[in-house]
Protein backbone atom coordinates (compact mmCIF):
# COMPACT_ATOMS: atom_id res chain seq x y z
CA UNK A 1 -8.79 11.59 -0.58
CA UNK A 2 -7.87 9.83 2.64
CA UNK A 3 -10.08 6.89 3.59
CA UNK A 4 -11.94 7.51 6.82
CA UNK A 5 -11.63 5.13 9.74
CA UNK A 6 -14.17 4.11 12.35
CA UNK A 7 -11.99 5.39 15.19
CA UNK A 8 -11.25 8.68 13.45
CA UNK A 9 -9.33 11.73 14.53
CA UNK A 10 -11.44 12.42 17.62
CA UNK A 11 -10.99 8.85 18.78
CA UNK A 12 -7.23 9.24 18.50
CA UNK A 13 -7.36 12.48 20.50
CA UNK A 14 -9.53 10.78 23.14
CA UNK A 15 -6.98 7.98 23.51
CA UNK A 16 -4.20 10.53 23.99
CA UNK A 17 -6.19 12.35 26.69
CA UNK A 18 -7.04 9.09 28.50
CA UNK A 19 -3.42 7.99 28.34
CA UNK A 20 -2.24 11.29 29.81
CA UNK A 21 -4.79 11.10 32.61
CA UNK A 22 -3.83 7.49 33.35
CA UNK A 23 -0.15 8.38 33.47
CA UNK A 24 -0.79 11.36 35.75
CA UNK A 25 -3.06 9.45 38.14
CA UNK A 26 -1.01 6.28 38.50
CA UNK A 27 2.56 7.57 38.04
CA UNK A 28 2.73 5.38 34.97
CA UNK A 29 5.51 5.69 32.43
CA UNK A 30 4.19 7.75 29.53
CA UNK A 31 6.29 7.79 26.32
CA UNK A 32 5.11 9.61 23.18
CA UNK A 33 6.76 8.32 20.00
CA UNK A 34 6.79 9.99 16.58
CA UNK A 35 7.98 8.19 13.45
CA UNK A 36 8.29 9.78 10.03
CA UNK A 37 9.11 7.62 6.99
CA UNK A 38 9.57 8.10 3.29
CA UNK A 39 9.09 5.03 1.08
CA UNK A 40 9.80 4.33 -2.57
CA UNK A 41 7.59 1.51 -3.88
CA UNK A 42 8.17 0.27 -7.43
CA UNK A 43 4.99 -1.87 -7.50
CA UNK A 44 2.31 -0.08 -5.50
CA UNK A 45 -0.51 -2.45 -6.48
CA UNK A 46 1.59 -5.65 -6.66
CA UNK A 47 0.68 -6.22 -10.31
CA UNK A 48 2.19 -8.92 -12.59
CA UNK A 49 2.93 -6.33 -15.29
CA UNK A 50 2.56 -2.61 -15.92
CA UNK A 51 3.82 -1.86 -12.40
CA UNK A 52 3.04 1.56 -10.91
CA UNK A 53 5.67 3.34 -8.83
CA UNK A 54 5.09 5.92 -6.12
CA UNK A 55 6.66 7.76 -3.21
CA UNK A 56 4.78 7.28 0.05
CA UNK A 57 5.12 9.29 3.24
CA UNK A 58 4.14 7.74 6.56
CA UNK A 59 3.57 9.85 9.67
CA UNK A 60 3.09 7.64 12.75
CA UNK A 61 2.55 9.35 16.11
CA UNK A 62 1.99 7.01 19.03
CA UNK A 63 1.88 6.51 22.78
CA UNK A 64 3.56 3.83 24.89
CA UNK A 65 2.24 3.48 28.43
CA UNK A 66 3.50 1.23 31.22
CA UNK A 67 1.12 1.15 34.18
CA UNK A 68 2.35 -0.39 37.46
CA UNK A 69 -0.21 -1.74 39.90
CA UNK A 70 1.28 -3.41 42.93
CA UNK A 71 4.06 -5.72 41.75
CA UNK A 72 2.51 -6.13 38.28
CA UNK A 73 2.77 -4.09 35.09
CA UNK A 74 0.37 -3.51 32.19
CA UNK A 75 1.67 -2.26 28.83
CA UNK A 76 -0.40 -0.28 26.33
CA UNK A 77 0.51 1.08 22.91
CA UNK A 78 -1.39 3.19 20.43
CA UNK A 79 -0.18 4.20 16.95
CA UNK A 80 -1.87 6.29 14.27
CA UNK A 81 -0.35 5.43 10.89
CA UNK A 82 -1.03 8.12 8.28
CA UNK A 83 -0.08 7.23 4.68
CA UNK A 84 0.06 9.73 1.80
CA UNK A 85 0.71 8.59 -1.78
CA UNK A 86 2.21 11.15 -4.18
CA UNK A 87 0.85 9.70 -7.45
CA UNK A 88 -2.15 7.68 -6.24
CA UNK A 89 -3.96 9.70 -3.54
CA UNK A 90 -6.89 7.23 -3.69
CA UNK A 91 -4.64 4.95 -1.61
CA UNK A 92 -4.18 7.54 1.17
CA UNK A 93 -5.29 6.12 4.48
CA UNK A 94 -5.26 6.47 8.25
CA UNK A 95 -4.66 3.29 10.24
CA UNK A 96 -5.10 2.78 13.98
CA UNK A 97 -3.29 0.15 16.03
CA UNK A 98 -4.04 -0.54 19.70
CA UNK A 99 -2.11 -3.09 21.76
CA UNK A 100 -2.35 -4.11 25.40
CA UNK A 101 -0.69 -6.77 27.53
CA UNK A 102 -0.93 -7.71 31.18
CA UNK A 103 0.76 -10.50 33.15
CA UNK A 104 -0.28 -11.60 36.64
CA UNK A 105 1.28 -14.19 38.94
CA UNK A 106 -0.50 -15.28 42.12
CA UNK A 107 2.02 -17.60 43.77
CA UNK A 108 1.99 -20.34 41.14
CA UNK A 109 -1.15 -19.32 39.27
CA UNK A 110 -0.50 -17.05 36.31
CA UNK A 111 -2.64 -15.09 33.84
CA UNK A 112 -1.40 -13.55 30.59
CA UNK A 113 -3.76 -11.35 28.59
CA UNK A 114 -2.79 -9.87 25.23
CA UNK A 115 -4.96 -7.98 22.75
CA UNK A 116 -4.12 -6.38 19.40
CA UNK A 117 -6.70 -4.26 17.54
CA UNK A 118 -6.14 -2.85 14.05
CA UNK A 119 -8.35 -0.55 12.04
CA UNK A 120 -6.44 -0.66 8.78
CA UNK A 121 -6.28 -1.12 5.03
CA UNK A 122 -2.90 -2.88 5.02
CA UNK A 123 -2.99 -6.12 3.04
CA UNK A 124 -4.70 -8.82 5.07
CA UNK A 125 -2.36 -11.69 4.12
CA UNK A 126 -0.07 -12.97 1.37
CA UNK A 127 -3.02 -13.95 -0.84
CA UNK A 128 -4.57 -10.48 -1.25
CA UNK A 129 -2.96 -7.64 -3.19
CA UNK A 130 -5.62 -4.87 -2.89
CA UNK A 131 -5.73 -2.66 0.19
CA UNK A 132 -9.12 -3.29 1.82
CA UNK A 133 -10.58 -1.40 4.77
CA UNK A 134 -11.16 -3.74 7.68
CA UNK A 135 -10.96 -4.15 11.42
CA UNK A 136 -9.07 -7.04 13.00
CA UNK A 137 -8.88 -7.98 16.65
CA UNK A 138 -6.62 -10.72 18.03
CA UNK A 139 -7.08 -11.78 21.65
CA UNK A 140 -4.82 -14.27 23.44
CA UNK A 141 -5.57 -15.38 26.99
CA UNK A 142 -3.64 -18.04 28.88
CA UNK A 143 -3.92 -19.15 32.47
CA UNK A 144 -1.36 -21.54 33.95
CA UNK A 145 -0.96 -23.45 37.18
CA UNK A 146 2.53 -24.58 38.21
CA UNK A 147 3.13 -27.41 40.65
CA UNK A 148 6.50 -29.05 41.27
CA UNK A 149 7.98 -29.82 37.82
CA UNK A 150 4.67 -29.62 35.97
CA UNK A 151 2.52 -26.90 34.41
CA UNK A 152 -1.07 -26.91 33.20
CA UNK A 153 -2.25 -24.16 30.81
CA UNK A 154 -5.70 -23.14 29.66
CA UNK A 155 -5.65 -21.37 26.29
CA UNK A 156 -8.15 -19.07 24.57
CA UNK A 157 -7.41 -17.41 21.23
CA UNK A 158 -9.92 -15.34 19.32
CA UNK A 159 -9.48 -13.47 16.04
CA UNK A 160 -12.17 -11.40 14.35
CA UNK A 161 -12.15 -9.89 10.86
CA UNK A 162 -14.66 -7.20 9.92
CA UNK A 163 -14.47 -5.73 6.40
CA UNK A 164 -15.87 -2.25 5.95
CA UNK A 165 -16.43 -2.47 2.20
CA UNK A 166 -19.75 -4.08 1.26
CA UNK A 167 -18.20 -6.08 -1.57
CA UNK A 168 -15.97 -7.81 0.99
CA UNK A 169 -18.37 -8.24 3.90
CA UNK A 170 -18.82 -11.94 3.07
CA UNK A 171 -15.28 -12.40 4.46
CA UNK A 172 -16.30 -11.24 7.96
CA UNK A 173 -15.47 -14.04 10.35
CA UNK A 174 -14.49 -15.02 13.87
CA UNK A 175 -12.03 -17.81 14.67
CA UNK A 176 -11.94 -19.17 18.22
CA UNK A 177 -9.44 -21.70 19.56
CA UNK A 178 -9.78 -23.37 22.96
CA UNK A 179 -6.83 -25.34 24.24
CA UNK A 180 -5.20 -27.27 27.05
CA UNK A 181 -1.44 -27.68 27.46
CA UNK A 182 0.44 -29.94 29.85
CA UNK A 183 4.18 -29.66 30.42
CA UNK A 184 6.75 -31.42 32.56
CA UNK A 185 10.33 -30.30 33.14
CA UNK A 186 12.94 -32.74 31.93
CA UNK A 187 15.80 -30.25 32.40
CA UNK A 188 16.04 -27.25 34.77
CA UNK A 189 14.83 -24.84 32.06
CA UNK A 190 13.30 -27.16 29.45
CA UNK A 191 9.89 -28.85 29.38
CA UNK A 192 8.27 -31.53 27.25
CA UNK A 193 4.79 -30.35 26.30
CA UNK A 194 1.60 -31.82 24.94
CA UNK A 195 -1.20 -29.59 23.67
CA UNK A 196 -4.74 -30.10 22.38
CA UNK A 197 -6.85 -27.45 20.60
CA UNK A 198 -10.42 -27.31 19.42
CA UNK A 199 -11.23 -24.53 16.98
CA UNK A 200 -14.19 -23.11 15.11
CA UNK A 201 -14.50 -20.56 12.30
CA UNK A 202 -17.82 -18.80 11.79
CA UNK A 203 -18.73 -16.39 8.98
CA UNK A 204 -21.24 -13.78 10.08
CA UNK A 205 -22.33 -12.44 6.67
CA UNK A 206 -20.87 -14.85 4.14
CA UNK A 207 -22.70 -18.06 4.92
CA UNK A 208 -23.99 -18.40 1.38
CA UNK A 209 -20.50 -17.96 -0.07
CA UNK A 210 -18.06 -19.18 2.57
CA UNK A 211 -18.22 -22.21 4.80
CA UNK A 212 -17.46 -22.25 8.49
CA UNK A 213 -15.38 -25.10 9.86
CA UNK A 214 -14.50 -27.03 13.01
CA UNK A 215 -11.10 -28.50 13.70
CA UNK A 216 -9.09 -30.39 16.26
CA UNK A 217 -5.33 -30.44 16.51
CA UNK A 218 -2.78 -31.96 18.85
CA UNK A 219 0.90 -31.14 19.39
CA UNK A 220 3.95 -32.63 21.07
CA UNK A 221 7.09 -30.58 21.57
CA UNK A 222 9.73 -28.86 23.67
CA UNK A 223 9.66 -25.44 25.33
CA UNK A 224 12.39 -23.58 27.15
CA UNK A 225 16.16 -23.33 26.84
CA UNK A 226 18.09 -25.75 24.65
CA UNK A 227 21.61 -25.07 25.75
CA UNK A 228 22.95 -21.90 27.33
CA UNK A 229 21.98 -19.48 24.54
CA UNK A 230 19.04 -21.03 22.65
CA UNK A 231 15.38 -20.45 23.56
CA UNK A 232 12.94 -22.75 21.78
CA UNK A 233 9.23 -23.39 21.38
CA UNK A 234 8.94 -26.47 19.15
CA UNK A 235 5.53 -27.99 18.40
CA UNK A 236 4.78 -30.74 15.88
CA UNK A 237 1.28 -32.10 15.49
CA UNK A 238 -1.68 -33.07 13.37
CA UNK A 239 -4.85 -31.17 12.43
CA UNK A 240 -8.21 -32.48 11.27
CA UNK A 241 -10.36 -29.65 9.89
CA UNK A 242 -13.85 -30.29 8.53
CA UNK A 243 -15.80 -27.68 6.58
CA UNK A 244 -19.56 -27.53 7.07
CA UNK A 245 -20.29 -26.96 3.39
CA UNK A 246 -20.38 -30.10 1.24
CA UNK A 247 -17.76 -30.57 -1.45
CA UNK A 248 -14.88 -28.86 0.36
CA UNK A 249 -11.93 -31.22 0.93
CA UNK A 250 -11.13 -31.97 4.53
CA UNK A 251 -7.78 -30.70 5.78
CA UNK A 252 -6.00 -33.61 7.45
CA UNK A 253 -2.31 -32.95 7.67
CA UNK A 254 0.76 -32.41 9.82
CA UNK A 255 0.97 -28.95 11.43
CA UNK A 256 4.07 -27.22 12.73
CA UNK A 257 4.62 -24.19 14.96
CA UNK A 258 8.27 -23.68 15.85
CA UNK A 259 10.33 -20.70 17.00
CA UNK A 260 14.04 -20.73 17.85
CA UNK A 261 16.14 -17.83 19.17
CA UNK A 262 19.92 -18.21 19.44
CA UNK A 263 22.05 -15.54 21.13
CA UNK A 264 25.54 -16.14 19.80
CA UNK A 265 26.90 -13.15 21.72
CA UNK A 266 25.78 -9.86 23.17
CA UNK A 267 25.96 -8.46 19.64
CA UNK A 268 24.52 -11.26 17.52
CA UNK A 269 21.08 -12.89 17.63
CA UNK A 270 19.46 -15.28 15.16
CA UNK A 271 15.79 -16.28 14.96
CA UNK A 272 14.08 -19.01 12.94
CA UNK A 273 10.37 -19.83 12.72
CA UNK A 274 8.63 -22.69 10.93
CA UNK A 275 4.91 -22.82 10.20
CA UNK A 276 2.58 -25.30 8.57
CA UNK A 277 -1.19 -24.95 8.91
CA UNK A 278 -4.41 -24.25 7.01
CA UNK A 279 -5.48 -20.65 6.32
CA UNK A 280 -8.84 -19.25 5.23
CA UNK A 281 -8.89 -18.05 1.62
CA UNK A 282 -10.73 -15.27 -0.20
CA UNK A 283 -9.85 -16.93 -3.53
CA UNK A 284 -10.96 -20.46 -2.71
CA UNK A 285 -11.97 -22.13 0.56
CA UNK A 286 -8.57 -22.48 2.20
CA UNK A 287 -4.92 -23.05 1.44
CA UNK A 288 -2.07 -24.78 3.24
CA UNK A 289 0.84 -22.62 4.37
CA UNK A 290 4.39 -24.00 4.52
CA UNK A 291 6.69 -21.23 5.68
CA UNK A 292 10.21 -20.72 6.97
CA UNK A 293 11.37 -17.32 8.24
CA UNK A 294 14.82 -16.34 9.50
CA UNK A 295 16.41 -13.19 10.93
CA UNK A 296 19.89 -12.18 12.02
CA UNK A 297 20.55 -9.08 14.12
CA UNK A 298 23.99 -7.60 14.73
CA UNK A 299 24.95 -4.64 16.89
CA UNK A 300 28.13 -2.92 15.73
CA UNK A 301 28.35 -0.68 18.78
CA UNK A 302 26.22 1.35 21.17
CA UNK A 303 24.62 3.36 18.33
CA UNK A 304 24.62 1.22 15.19
CA UNK A 305 22.90 -2.09 14.40
CA UNK A 306 21.41 -3.95 11.48
CA UNK A 307 18.90 -6.72 10.85
CA UNK A 308 18.68 -9.06 7.87
CA UNK A 309 15.62 -11.26 7.38
CA UNK A 310 14.08 -13.47 4.75
CA UNK A 311 11.22 -15.88 4.28
CA UNK A 312 10.14 -18.61 1.88
CA UNK A 313 6.47 -19.59 1.82
CA UNK A 314 4.38 -21.97 -0.26
CA UNK A 315 0.59 -21.59 -0.43
CA UNK A 316 -1.06 -24.77 -1.75
CA UNK A 317 -4.75 -24.86 -2.72
CA UNK A 318 -6.62 -28.19 -2.46
CA UNK A 319 -9.11 -27.72 -5.32
CA UNK A 320 -8.71 -27.03 -9.02
CA UNK A 321 -9.66 -23.60 -10.34
CA UNK A 322 -9.63 -22.07 -13.82
CA UNK A 323 -7.64 -19.00 -14.88
CA UNK A 324 -7.06 -17.87 -18.50
CA UNK A 325 -8.23 -21.20 -19.90
CA UNK A 326 -6.07 -23.30 -17.57
CA UNK A 327 -7.53 -25.58 -14.90
CA UNK A 328 -5.31 -26.80 -12.08
CA UNK A 329 -4.64 -26.52 -8.37
CA UNK A 330 -3.22 -23.10 -7.61
CA UNK A 331 0.22 -22.97 -5.96
CA UNK A 332 2.04 -19.78 -4.98
CA UNK A 333 5.66 -19.45 -3.90
CA UNK A 334 6.39 -16.26 -1.95
CA UNK A 335 9.90 -15.02 -1.29
CA UNK A 336 10.87 -12.04 0.85
CA UNK A 337 14.28 -10.59 1.64
CA UNK A 338 14.96 -7.46 3.63
CA UNK A 339 17.43 -5.56 5.76
CA UNK A 340 17.37 -2.55 8.05
CA UNK A 341 20.32 -0.43 9.20
CA UNK A 342 19.65 1.60 12.36
CA UNK A 343 21.65 4.45 13.88
CA UNK A 344 20.89 6.15 17.19
CA UNK A 345 21.90 9.79 16.84
CA UNK A 346 20.89 10.70 20.39
CA UNK A 347 19.02 8.94 23.17
CA UNK A 348 15.68 10.32 21.93
CA UNK A 349 16.41 10.42 18.19
CA UNK A 350 17.29 7.61 15.77
CA UNK A 351 17.13 6.89 12.06
CA UNK A 352 16.95 3.77 9.90
CA UNK A 353 17.30 2.74 6.27
CA UNK A 354 15.50 -0.38 5.08
CA UNK A 355 15.00 -2.42 1.94
CA UNK A 356 12.50 -5.18 1.16
CA UNK A 357 12.26 -7.45 -1.89
CA UNK A 358 8.89 -9.17 -2.46
CA UNK A 359 8.06 -11.84 -5.00
CA UNK A 360 5.11 -14.14 -5.65
CA UNK A 361 5.64 -16.87 -8.24
CA UNK A 362 2.37 -18.65 -9.01
CA UNK A 363 1.55 -21.47 -11.41
CA UNK A 364 -1.15 -19.03 -12.63
CA UNK A 365 0.84 -16.12 -14.09
CA UNK A 366 -1.99 -13.68 -13.33
CA UNK A 367 -0.99 -13.86 -9.65
CA UNK A 368 2.76 -13.23 -10.14
CA UNK A 369 4.37 -10.06 -8.87
CA UNK A 370 7.77 -8.66 -7.94
CA UNK A 371 8.32 -5.54 -5.89
CA UNK A 372 11.03 -3.48 -4.20
CA UNK A 373 10.45 -1.18 -1.24
CA UNK A 374 13.03 1.30 0.13
CA UNK A 375 12.28 3.07 3.42
CA UNK A 376 14.06 5.90 5.25
CA UNK A 377 12.73 6.59 8.75
CA UNK A 378 13.28 9.05 11.60
CA UNK A 379 12.07 8.14 15.09
CA UNK A 380 11.64 10.60 17.96
CA UNK A 381 11.00 9.40 21.51
CA UNK A 382 9.83 12.30 23.67
């Protein structure tokens, strides 16, 4: 039986009606999109042994709306993601994804607002293997003032997690980050930046189990174009995170947030991201992420393209725990490798074939898993 969602079918219909009315009233661009996928998953529950296989169908109708107002544009997207499992119908679900973005520029003063809401049971992060009903909202708001060769940015980031299952409600939390960034151009399209953030994590219903925390972090880096074809956002810094509950080790470590995009030609693009930070944990208190992710995209011609990507991630836990008679600090190594081949049959109709390999190698064997996922998709743009 399909798991019910808070937004529900009538909410999805209401969004469609509102989008149509908005498009009609404002001459906005209104683009319905329908995606149908078939997936073969050889480890549905990401188990270390006794893997279960299944064939999953995904039906994903959606709406893309671009609303012009004056010289500015607001983008909105809604997708309903309907999953049906052939062998394990208890995993059937209906997910909702809402996204909006708006950029404003008032002669040197800019505002960028971005919000992403998900009502979903997709796995929350690399630590969790069960599918758990939850709502997540991620809000990013930046306001910048440009003067001469300098820029000053005010930053607000807020992420909320709300689990619908009572056994997981202790993980409900809100993370807020407040920041200030200063940049100065050292080249026509490249700036040296310095950034400071203060953050807080508060648990609304898990105070007796989980601990909130407060942290400060500072970065130095480069932002802009490094050469004619490389766009970079490089930030290296240090974070000091203190948990309010006694006995939890303080996180005091280097943090990294880096993204590089290199356009070798009109047909070839490569991307690399690096990440090091602390992440809240449902298993323990937190773990440190060290991750590298890379992607290469190639366009063979006007209709055919492919993308290859991979990632290597290490999750390190600061405190010892006991599993199957062993006591040690948990450490997981996660490896992903995937590719997607896309072919545009007509302007409004395309298809893709994808493959993903997933592996978690933990020093506790109970957390190991290996999985393969093959996906065939058809996308209609009306």
